[in-house]
Protein backbone atom coordinates (compact mmCIF):
# COMPACT_ATOMS: atom_id res chain seq x y z
CA MET A 1 1.34 -41.44 -9.99
CA PRO A 2 3.01 -40.12 -13.18
CA ILE A 3 6.55 -40.97 -12.10
CA SER A 4 9.03 -41.81 -14.88
CA GLU A 5 12.80 -42.18 -14.42
CA LYS A 6 12.75 -40.15 -11.23
CA TRP A 7 10.59 -37.38 -12.80
CA PHE A 8 7.16 -36.29 -11.61
CA CYS A 9 5.11 -34.74 -14.42
CA GLU A 10 2.17 -32.80 -13.01
CA GLY A 11 -1.31 -33.74 -14.06
CA THR A 12 -3.15 -31.02 -15.89
CA VAL A 13 -5.34 -28.52 -14.08
CA PRO A 14 -8.66 -27.03 -15.35
CA GLY A 15 -8.51 -24.41 -18.12
CA LYS A 16 -6.56 -23.70 -21.28
CA ARG A 17 -3.62 -25.85 -20.23
CA LEU A 18 -5.70 -29.04 -20.11
CA GLY A 19 -3.68 -31.69 -21.91
CA LYS A 20 -1.41 -29.15 -23.64
CA LEU A 21 1.54 -28.67 -21.20
CA LYS A 22 3.81 -30.81 -19.03
CA HIS A 23 5.16 -29.38 -15.78
CA CYS A 24 7.83 -31.73 -14.48
CA PHE A 25 9.98 -31.95 -11.34
CA LEU A 26 13.00 -34.17 -10.74
CA ILE A 27 12.45 -36.53 -7.87
CA ASP A 28 15.70 -36.49 -5.92
CA LYS A 29 14.17 -38.58 -3.10
CA LEU A 30 10.78 -40.18 -2.80
CA ILE A 31 9.36 -39.49 0.69
CA PHE A 32 5.82 -40.82 0.59
CA GLN A 33 3.40 -42.21 -1.96
CA GLY A 34 -0.10 -43.44 -1.13
CA LYS A 35 -3.80 -43.00 -1.36
CA THR A 36 -6.36 -41.78 1.18
CA PRO A 37 -10.08 -42.46 0.93
CA PHE A 38 -10.36 -39.21 -1.01
CA GLN A 39 -7.21 -38.56 -3.09
CA LYS A 40 -3.73 -39.69 -4.23
CA VAL A 41 -0.78 -38.28 -2.28
CA LEU A 42 2.84 -37.86 -3.24
CA VAL A 43 5.66 -36.28 -1.25
CA PHE A 44 9.19 -36.01 -2.58
CA ASN A 45 12.37 -33.93 -2.37
CA ASN A 46 13.63 -31.77 -5.24
CA LEU A 47 16.99 -30.00 -5.12
CA LEU A 48 15.49 -26.72 -6.33
CA TYR A 49 12.12 -26.62 -4.51
CA GLY A 50 12.92 -28.75 -1.44
CA ARG A 51 10.07 -30.87 -0.11
CA VAL A 52 7.19 -31.10 -2.63
CA PHE A 53 3.57 -32.05 -1.77
CA CYS A 54 1.12 -33.27 -4.47
CA LEU A 55 -2.53 -34.26 -4.47
CA ASN A 56 -4.11 -36.06 -7.39
CA ASN A 57 -1.01 -35.44 -9.54
CA VAL A 58 -1.06 -31.67 -9.01
CA ILE A 59 1.51 -29.66 -7.01
CA GLN A 60 -0.03 -28.20 -3.88
CA LEU A 61 3.03 -26.66 -2.26
CA THR A 62 6.78 -26.75 -2.10
CA GLU A 63 9.19 -25.93 0.68
CA GLN A 64 10.74 -23.11 -1.38
CA ASP A 65 7.58 -21.03 -1.99
CA GLU A 66 4.60 -22.26 0.14
CA PHE A 67 4.83 -19.17 2.33
CA ILE A 68 3.75 -16.98 -0.60
CA TYR A 69 0.50 -18.85 -1.09
CA HIS A 70 -0.31 -19.19 2.60
CA GLU A 71 0.56 -15.59 3.58
CA MET A 72 -1.36 -14.09 0.66
CA LEU A 73 -4.41 -16.26 1.20
CA THR A 74 -4.51 -15.22 4.88
CA HIS A 75 -3.17 -11.79 5.72
CA PRO A 76 -4.81 -9.43 3.18
CA ILE A 77 -8.26 -10.31 4.47
CA LEU A 78 -7.36 -10.64 8.16
CA PHE A 79 -5.69 -7.23 8.13
CA SER A 80 -8.59 -5.79 6.15
CA HIS A 81 -10.98 -6.74 8.96
CA SER A 82 -10.76 -4.43 12.00
CA ASN A 83 -11.13 -7.15 14.58
CA PRO A 84 -11.17 -10.77 13.30
CA LYS A 85 -11.93 -13.17 16.13
CA ASN A 86 -13.78 -16.22 14.77
CA ILE A 87 -12.17 -17.77 11.74
CA LEU A 88 -13.22 -20.67 9.53
CA ILE A 89 -10.78 -22.52 7.27
CA ILE A 90 -12.28 -24.99 4.82
CA GLY A 91 -9.64 -27.34 3.51
CA GLY A 92 -6.15 -26.40 4.50
CA GLY A 93 -5.18 -29.84 5.87
CA ASP A 94 -1.50 -29.06 5.41
CA GLY A 95 -1.74 -26.45 8.22
CA GLY A 96 -0.16 -23.57 6.33
CA VAL A 97 -3.12 -21.21 6.43
CA LEU A 98 -3.76 -22.18 10.01
CA ARG A 99 -0.17 -21.29 10.88
CA GLU A 100 -0.61 -17.80 9.41
CA VAL A 101 -4.06 -17.17 10.94
CA LEU A 102 -2.68 -17.93 14.41
CA LYS A 103 -0.29 -14.98 14.11
CA HIS A 104 -3.33 -12.74 14.68
CA LYS A 105 -5.19 -12.25 18.02
CA VAL A 106 -7.97 -14.59 17.10
CA SER A 107 -10.30 -16.26 19.56
CA GLN A 108 -11.32 -19.40 17.71
CA VAL A 109 -10.28 -21.11 14.51
CA ASP A 110 -12.35 -23.94 13.03
CA LEU A 111 -10.47 -26.08 10.51
CA VAL A 112 -12.81 -28.20 8.36
CA GLU A 113 -10.72 -30.80 6.44
CA ILE A 114 -12.67 -33.69 4.93
CA ASP A 115 -9.48 -35.83 4.62
CA LYS A 116 -8.07 -36.40 8.07
CA GLU A 117 -5.16 -38.39 6.64
CA ILE A 118 -3.77 -35.19 5.01
CA ILE A 119 -3.41 -33.65 8.48
CA GLU A 120 -1.46 -36.68 9.67
CA ILE A 121 0.74 -36.63 6.54
CA SER A 122 1.47 -32.98 7.14
CA LYS A 123 2.42 -33.58 10.76
CA LYS A 124 4.85 -36.31 9.65
CA TYR A 125 6.32 -35.01 6.37
CA LEU A 126 5.46 -31.28 6.19
CA ARG A 127 6.42 -29.95 9.62
CA PHE A 128 7.92 -26.87 7.95
CA VAL A 129 4.36 -26.00 6.94
CA CYS A 130 2.12 -26.85 9.90
CA GLN A 131 4.70 -26.42 12.64
CA ASP A 132 2.67 -26.74 15.92
CA SER A 133 -0.49 -25.11 14.59
CA PHE A 134 -2.80 -28.13 14.98
CA SER A 135 -2.14 -28.24 18.73
CA ASP A 136 -3.00 -24.61 19.40
CA LYS A 137 -5.78 -24.36 21.99
CA ARG A 138 -7.75 -21.92 19.81
CA VAL A 139 -8.13 -24.55 17.12
CA ARG A 140 -11.01 -26.98 16.55
CA ILE A 141 -10.71 -29.60 13.83
CA PHE A 142 -13.67 -31.11 12.03
CA ASN A 143 -13.18 -34.00 9.58
CA LEU A 144 -16.22 -33.51 7.34
CA SER A 145 -17.06 -31.78 4.07
CA GLY A 146 -17.01 -28.02 4.07
CA GLU A 147 -20.24 -28.08 2.07
CA LYS A 148 -22.09 -29.81 4.93
CA PHE A 149 -20.34 -27.89 7.74
CA ILE A 150 -21.14 -24.45 6.36
CA LYS A 151 -24.88 -25.09 6.29
CA ARG A 152 -25.04 -25.15 10.08
CA ALA A 153 -23.09 -21.93 10.66
CA LYS A 154 -25.11 -18.73 10.89
CA ASN A 155 -23.89 -15.21 11.55
CA PHE A 156 -20.80 -16.39 13.43
CA TYR A 157 -17.59 -16.07 11.52
CA ASP A 158 -15.58 -12.87 10.84
CA ILE A 159 -13.46 -14.57 8.21
CA VAL A 160 -13.95 -17.66 5.98
CA ILE A 161 -10.93 -18.96 4.07
CA ILE A 162 -11.37 -21.59 1.38
CA ASP A 163 -8.05 -23.44 0.93
CA SER A 164 -9.05 -26.21 -1.48
CA THR A 165 -7.67 -28.01 -4.49
CA ASN A 166 -8.66 -27.09 -8.08
CA PRO A 167 -12.36 -27.47 -8.90
CA PHE A 168 -12.30 -30.57 -11.14
CA GLN A 169 -15.86 -31.88 -11.50
CA GLU A 170 -14.90 -35.28 -10.13
CA ASN A 171 -12.91 -34.16 -7.05
CA ILE A 172 -13.86 -33.28 -3.47
CA ALA A 173 -13.31 -29.49 -4.03
CA PHE A 174 -15.88 -29.10 -6.75
CA PRO A 175 -18.88 -28.31 -4.45
CA LEU A 176 -16.77 -25.53 -2.85
CA TYR A 177 -17.17 -23.43 -5.99
CA SER A 178 -20.91 -23.58 -6.29
CA LEU A 179 -23.38 -20.71 -5.94
CA ASN A 180 -25.21 -22.44 -3.11
CA PHE A 181 -21.96 -22.86 -1.22
CA TYR A 182 -21.22 -19.13 -1.57
CA LYS A 183 -24.70 -18.36 -0.27
CA ASN A 184 -24.10 -20.52 2.78
CA ILE A 185 -20.78 -18.77 3.40
CA PHE A 186 -22.59 -15.40 3.23
CA ASN A 187 -25.03 -16.62 5.90
CA SER A 188 -22.22 -17.90 8.10
CA LEU A 189 -20.49 -14.48 8.18
CA ARG A 190 -21.22 -11.64 10.53
CA ARG A 191 -22.35 -8.27 9.08
CA ASP A 192 -18.74 -7.18 8.31
CA GLY A 193 -17.47 -10.64 7.39
CA ILE A 194 -15.01 -11.45 4.60
CA MET A 195 -14.33 -14.63 2.63
CA ILE A 196 -11.51 -15.59 0.24
CA THR A 197 -11.00 -18.45 -2.21
CA LEU A 198 -8.56 -19.54 -4.90
CA GLY A 199 -9.20 -18.15 -8.38
CA ALA A 200 -6.88 -19.53 -11.08
CA SER A 201 -3.96 -18.67 -13.28
CA PHE A 202 -4.51 -15.45 -15.19
CA LEU A 203 -4.12 -17.52 -18.34
CA ASP A 204 -7.63 -18.77 -17.41
CA PHE A 205 -9.04 -15.30 -16.70
CA ASP A 206 -11.89 -15.56 -19.22
CA ASN A 207 -12.95 -19.15 -18.59
CA ILE A 208 -12.39 -19.56 -14.82
CA ILE A 209 -11.69 -16.31 -12.96
CA LYS A 210 -14.51 -14.36 -14.59
CA GLY A 211 -17.02 -17.12 -13.86
CA THR A 212 -16.06 -17.37 -10.16
CA PHE A 213 -16.11 -13.54 -9.85
CA LYS A 214 -19.62 -13.35 -11.34
CA LYS A 215 -20.85 -16.12 -9.13
CA LEU A 216 -19.52 -14.37 -6.01
CA LYS A 217 -21.12 -11.07 -7.14
CA LYS A 218 -24.50 -12.73 -7.17
CA VAL A 219 -24.10 -13.27 -3.41
CA PHE A 220 -21.69 -10.60 -2.10
CA PRO A 221 -21.91 -6.86 -2.82
CA LEU A 222 -18.12 -6.44 -2.85
CA VAL A 223 -15.67 -8.69 -4.68
CA SER A 224 -11.94 -8.11 -5.28
CA ILE A 225 -9.03 -9.87 -6.95
CA PHE A 226 -5.64 -10.32 -5.29
CA ARG A 227 -2.67 -11.21 -7.50
CA PHE A 228 0.19 -13.39 -6.30
CA CYS A 229 3.12 -15.16 -8.03
CA MET A 230 3.82 -18.79 -7.27
CA PRO A 231 7.00 -20.13 -9.00
CA SER A 232 6.16 -23.76 -8.50
CA TYR A 233 2.68 -23.51 -10.05
CA HIS A 234 1.86 -23.81 -13.77
CA CYS A 235 2.11 -20.36 -15.39
CA GLY A 236 3.24 -18.65 -12.19
CA GLU A 237 0.81 -15.74 -11.74
CA TYR A 238 -2.42 -16.66 -9.93
CA CYS A 239 -5.12 -14.88 -7.96
CA PHE A 240 -7.36 -15.20 -4.96
CA LEU A 241 -10.89 -13.74 -4.91
CA GLY A 242 -11.98 -11.90 -1.82
CA ALA A 243 -15.70 -11.19 -1.14
CA SER A 244 -17.22 -9.04 1.58
CA LYS A 245 -20.63 -8.06 2.95
CA LYS A 246 -19.56 -4.52 3.89
CA ILE A 247 -15.80 -3.90 3.64
CA ASP A 248 -14.47 -2.62 0.33
CA LEU A 249 -11.21 -4.57 0.13
CA THR A 250 -9.74 -2.07 -2.31
CA LYS A 251 -10.30 0.86 0.07
CA VAL A 252 -9.07 -0.37 3.43
CA ASP A 253 -7.21 1.84 5.83
CA PHE A 254 -3.57 0.94 5.11
CA LYS A 255 -2.26 3.20 7.88
CA ARG A 256 -4.20 1.10 10.40
CA ILE A 257 -2.93 -2.06 8.69
CA GLU A 258 0.65 -0.83 8.92
CA ARG A 259 0.27 -0.22 12.67
CA ARG A 260 -1.15 -3.71 13.27
CA PHE A 261 1.46 -5.31 11.06
CA LYS A 262 4.34 -3.67 12.96
CA LYS A 263 2.94 -5.01 16.24
CA ILE A 264 2.53 -8.53 14.98
CA GLN A 265 5.90 -8.44 13.21
CA LYS A 266 7.65 -7.99 16.55
CA LYS A 267 6.60 -11.56 17.45
CA TYR A 268 6.14 -13.36 14.18
CA LYS A 269 8.07 -13.62 10.92
CA PHE A 270 6.53 -12.73 7.55
CA ARG A 271 8.47 -13.94 4.58
CA TYR A 272 6.30 -12.45 1.85
CA TYR A 273 3.34 -10.44 3.05
CA SER A 274 3.67 -6.73 3.96
CA PRO A 275 1.22 -3.82 3.69
CA GLU A 276 3.09 -2.75 0.52
CA ILE A 277 2.68 -6.19 -1.04
CA HIS A 278 -0.98 -6.12 0.04
CA LYS A 279 -1.52 -2.84 -1.86
CA ALA A 280 0.34 -4.10 -4.92
CA ALA A 281 -1.71 -7.32 -5.05
CA LEU A 282 -4.86 -5.19 -5.71
CA ILE A 283 -3.34 -3.43 -8.72
CA LEU A 284 -4.58 -5.13 -11.86
CA PRO A 285 -3.88 -4.52 -15.59
CA LYS A 286 -6.83 -3.08 -17.43
CA LYS A 287 -7.52 -6.43 -19.10
CA PHE A 288 -8.17 -8.09 -15.72
CA LYS A 289 -10.38 -5.42 -14.06
CA LEU A 290 -13.95 -6.57 -13.47
CA ASN A 291 -15.46 -4.01 -11.14
């Protein structure tokens, strides 16, 4: 791990920043450092961001802002669907997306995480993220690749959420950005199903986001971009890409969403997502509009 004099300097991510920037965090306390069969893991405390979780030298989440990522990856598409019951999460071994999905009245959630050690690390060191989500009776956990799992699912899921690491060619997430993978997701979804996946920083709009968008459009008739800001990530402003068989994610019924949100909000806390934030996430500058 790139640790020098109590500093962690993040490894570069794909795109324009490759080898050109350093993004460093002071390590106030080292919590865990190790290697699973699939990836390097580092957990440490930082006085500004709290507990920090890294995979393969790249920040995945911090205690201070993880809720932004997890709420925005989950709620815009679950609220856009009129009745989401069967949910698939590919990746997401930290349990953050699972925690958010379980706020909805879902019947079954399948979590497919190839690296079972990440789940155990989360239970031990990232309880603020996963809480008790892994033990919920609605949850089934599969420790195999999402690429293999999705091939056997046909016309079953209402929502598919891809919560993976960046698509480096040599890492385990790379197949989760392929055209064949998106075709298999399409086949796994019901007629009004929706999927969502990580895009990139808007700095990489031309060389990453556009390419993923075009790939999704070859499979799904409707594709939308959701903006979100993540202070602990390189360059701050990122996006998710939502794709749907039938539902236009830019023209959902926000009055219906507001009613559902108010009901769920009586029981569960939302730290970032709201119907207003949902609407705002769909507003893009002219430069970033692709439809």
